[in-house]
């Protein structure tokens, strides 16, 4: 039941985002998705500095806020920002490989993996904020990011 609710929410976010994207030009789609990923990376850095590196004192509330932000980005319907003309073969402002559009099943797989890993990170942070558990799930989120980068991001 829980997984079906997640997929329903993901589908609804894509459907509701589609009309908005239809009004966005290619440059706006690229800029918006890059901003979303930059925001997610900034929040990943917060978790890394506290739960992994220990450079900053561990603060459960900050970890929850960062995990909430990452999950929000992951579940926001970002797929709608990957419209035609937004790959690097047609636009110099992106590192999205054109293969993204040739492999929709793989693209969907990595997007769902990111959303699931980020949602689990949010759950771990909300359930007491155990530092070791958060660090372990943070690693899973990182793996989901790497899966997409390896498949669809040019150097």
Protein backbone atom coordinates (compact mmCIF):
# COMPACT_ATOMS: atom_id res chain seq x y z
CA UNK A 1 0.00 0.00 0.00
CA UNK A 2 2.79 2.41 0.92
CA UNK A 3 4.66 1.87 -2.38
CA UNK A 4 1.51 2.32 -4.43
CA UNK A 5 0.88 5.63 -2.66
CA UNK A 6 4.41 6.73 -3.51
CA UNK A 7 3.96 5.88 -7.18
CA UNK A 8 0.58 7.59 -7.25
CA UNK A 9 2.12 10.74 -5.80
CA UNK A 10 4.97 10.56 -8.31
CA UNK A 11 2.54 10.16 -11.21
CA UNK A 12 0.36 13.01 -9.97
CA UNK A 13 3.36 15.31 -9.63
CA UNK A 14 4.33 14.56 -13.22
CA UNK A 15 0.81 15.17 -14.49
CA UNK A 16 0.39 18.43 -12.63
CA UNK A 17 3.84 19.65 -13.64
CA UNK A 18 3.29 18.95 -17.35
CA UNK A 19 1.10 22.03 -18.06
CA UNK A 20 3.63 24.28 -16.33
CA UNK A 21 6.51 22.80 -18.33
CA UNK A 22 4.56 23.30 -21.53
CA UNK A 23 4.85 27.01 -20.80
CA UNK A 24 8.59 26.84 -20.05
CA UNK A 25 11.12 27.24 -22.82
CA UNK A 26 14.15 24.97 -23.09
CA UNK A 27 16.46 27.37 -21.23
CA UNK A 28 14.02 27.68 -18.32
CA UNK A 29 13.69 23.89 -18.09
CA UNK A 30 17.47 23.48 -17.96
CA UNK A 31 17.96 26.31 -15.46
CA UNK A 32 15.16 25.08 -13.21
CA UNK A 33 16.37 21.49 -13.07
CA UNK A 34 19.98 22.59 -12.54
CA UNK A 35 18.84 24.83 -9.69
CA UNK A 36 16.91 21.96 -8.13
CA UNK A 37 19.92 19.66 -8.29
CA UNK A 38 22.19 22.39 -6.89
CA UNK A 39 19.77 22.86 -3.99
CA UNK A 40 19.72 19.10 -3.37
CA UNK A 41 23.54 18.97 -3.50
CA UNK A 42 23.79 21.84 -1.01
CA UNK A 43 21.60 19.89 1.39
CA UNK A 44 23.57 16.70 0.75
CA UNK A 45 26.66 18.69 1.77
CA UNK A 46 25.03 19.56 5.08
CA UNK A 47 24.42 15.91 5.85
CA UNK A 48 27.90 14.92 4.73
CA UNK A 49 29.57 17.53 6.93
CA UNK A 50 27.63 16.43 10.02
CA UNK A 51 26.86 12.72 9.66
CA UNK A 52 29.86 11.56 7.61
CA UNK A 53 32.83 13.90 8.02
CA UNK A 54 32.03 15.27 11.46
CA UNK A 55 33.27 18.72 10.43
CA UNK A 56 30.18 20.27 12.00
CA UNK A 57 28.43 19.24 15.22
CA UNK A 58 25.58 16.82 14.56
CA UNK A 59 22.17 18.45 14.82
CA UNK A 60 19.10 16.24 14.32
CA UNK A 61 16.83 19.12 13.35
CA UNK A 62 19.24 20.33 10.67
CA UNK A 63 19.56 16.79 9.35
CA UNK A 64 15.79 16.45 9.16
CA UNK A 65 15.50 19.79 7.35
CA UNK A 66 18.19 18.76 4.86
CA UNK A 67 16.61 15.34 4.30
CA UNK A 68 13.20 16.97 3.80
CA UNK A 69 14.68 19.30 1.19
CA UNK A 70 16.36 16.45 -0.70
CA UNK A 71 13.19 14.36 -0.66
CA UNK A 72 11.19 17.34 -1.85
CA UNK A 73 13.47 17.80 -4.84
CA UNK A 74 13.50 14.08 -5.61
CA UNK A 75 9.71 13.85 -5.50
CA UNK A 76 8.91 17.17 -7.18
CA UNK A 77 8.28 15.89 -10.69
CA UNK A 78 11.70 16.85 -12.04
CA UNK A 79 11.18 14.50 -14.98
CA UNK A 80 8.95 17.13 -16.53
CA UNK A 81 12.02 19.40 -16.86
CA UNK A 82 13.71 17.05 -19.31
CA UNK A 83 11.83 18.13 -22.41
CA UNK A 84 12.91 17.90 -26.05
CA UNK A 85 15.88 20.10 -26.82
CA UNK A 86 17.25 20.02 -23.26
CA UNK A 87 20.17 17.67 -23.95
CA UNK A 88 23.69 18.73 -24.84
CA UNK A 89 23.33 17.78 -28.52
CA UNK A 90 20.93 20.71 -28.89
CA UNK A 91 22.05 22.99 -26.06
CA UNK A 92 25.45 24.01 -24.72
CA UNK A 93 24.13 24.90 -21.25
CA UNK A 94 23.74 21.32 -20.07
CA UNK A 95 25.68 18.10 -19.63
CA UNK A 96 22.64 15.89 -20.21
CA UNK A 97 23.63 13.22 -22.70
CA UNK A 98 21.26 12.73 -25.64
CA UNK A 99 21.08 9.04 -24.66
CA UNK A 100 18.68 10.12 -21.93
CA UNK A 101 15.94 10.32 -24.56
CA UNK A 102 16.93 7.01 -26.16
CA UNK A 103 16.66 5.08 -22.89
CA UNK A 104 13.43 6.15 -21.19
CA UNK A 105 13.24 2.95 -19.13
CA UNK A 106 16.70 3.56 -17.68
CA UNK A 107 15.87 7.23 -17.06
CA UNK A 108 12.69 6.23 -15.24
CA UNK A 109 14.61 3.61 -13.24
CA UNK A 110 17.23 6.06 -11.98
CA UNK A 111 14.62 8.72 -11.24
CA UNK A 112 12.55 6.30 -9.18
CA UNK A 113 15.71 5.09 -7.44
CA UNK A 114 16.57 8.67 -6.46
CA UNK A 115 13.06 9.35 -5.21
CA UNK A 116 12.95 6.15 -3.18
CA UNK A 117 16.39 6.66 -1.65
CA UNK A 118 15.62 10.29 -0.79
CA UNK A 119 12.26 9.38 0.72
CA UNK A 120 13.93 6.73 2.87
CA UNK A 121 16.54 9.32 3.95
CA UNK A 122 13.71 11.58 5.04
CA UNK A 123 12.12 8.70 7.00
CA UNK A 124 15.40 7.86 8.73
CA UNK A 125 15.93 11.50 9.70
CA UNK A 126 12.36 11.77 10.99
CA UNK A 127 12.61 8.61 13.09
CA UNK A 128 15.04 9.83 15.71
CA UNK A 129 17.86 11.02 13.51
CA UNK A 130 20.26 8.17 14.34
CA UNK A 131 23.58 9.37 12.93
CA UNK A 132 24.80 5.95 11.75
CA UNK A 133 21.48 5.12 10.07
CA UNK A 134 21.41 8.54 8.43
CA UNK A 135 24.97 8.07 7.16
CA UNK A 136 24.08 4.66 5.72
CA UNK A 137 21.02 5.99 3.90
CA UNK A 138 22.97 9.04 2.75
CA UNK A 139 25.27 6.59 0.98
CA UNK A 140 22.26 5.08 -0.79
CA UNK A 141 21.14 8.50 -1.98
CA UNK A 142 24.64 9.12 -3.28
CA UNK A 143 24.54 5.83 -5.18
CA UNK A 144 21.25 6.86 -6.79
CA UNK A 145 22.80 10.16 -7.88
CA UNK A 146 25.82 8.34 -9.28
CA UNK A 147 23.61 5.95 -11.24
CA UNK A 148 22.11 8.88 -13.13
CA UNK A 149 25.41 10.68 -13.57
CA UNK A 150 27.08 7.53 -14.91
CA UNK A 151 24.30 6.90 -17.40
CA UNK A 152 23.28 10.38 -18.51
CA UNK A 153 25.73 13.11 -17.44
CA UNK A 154 28.69 14.06 -19.60
CA UNK A 155 31.99 14.94 -17.96
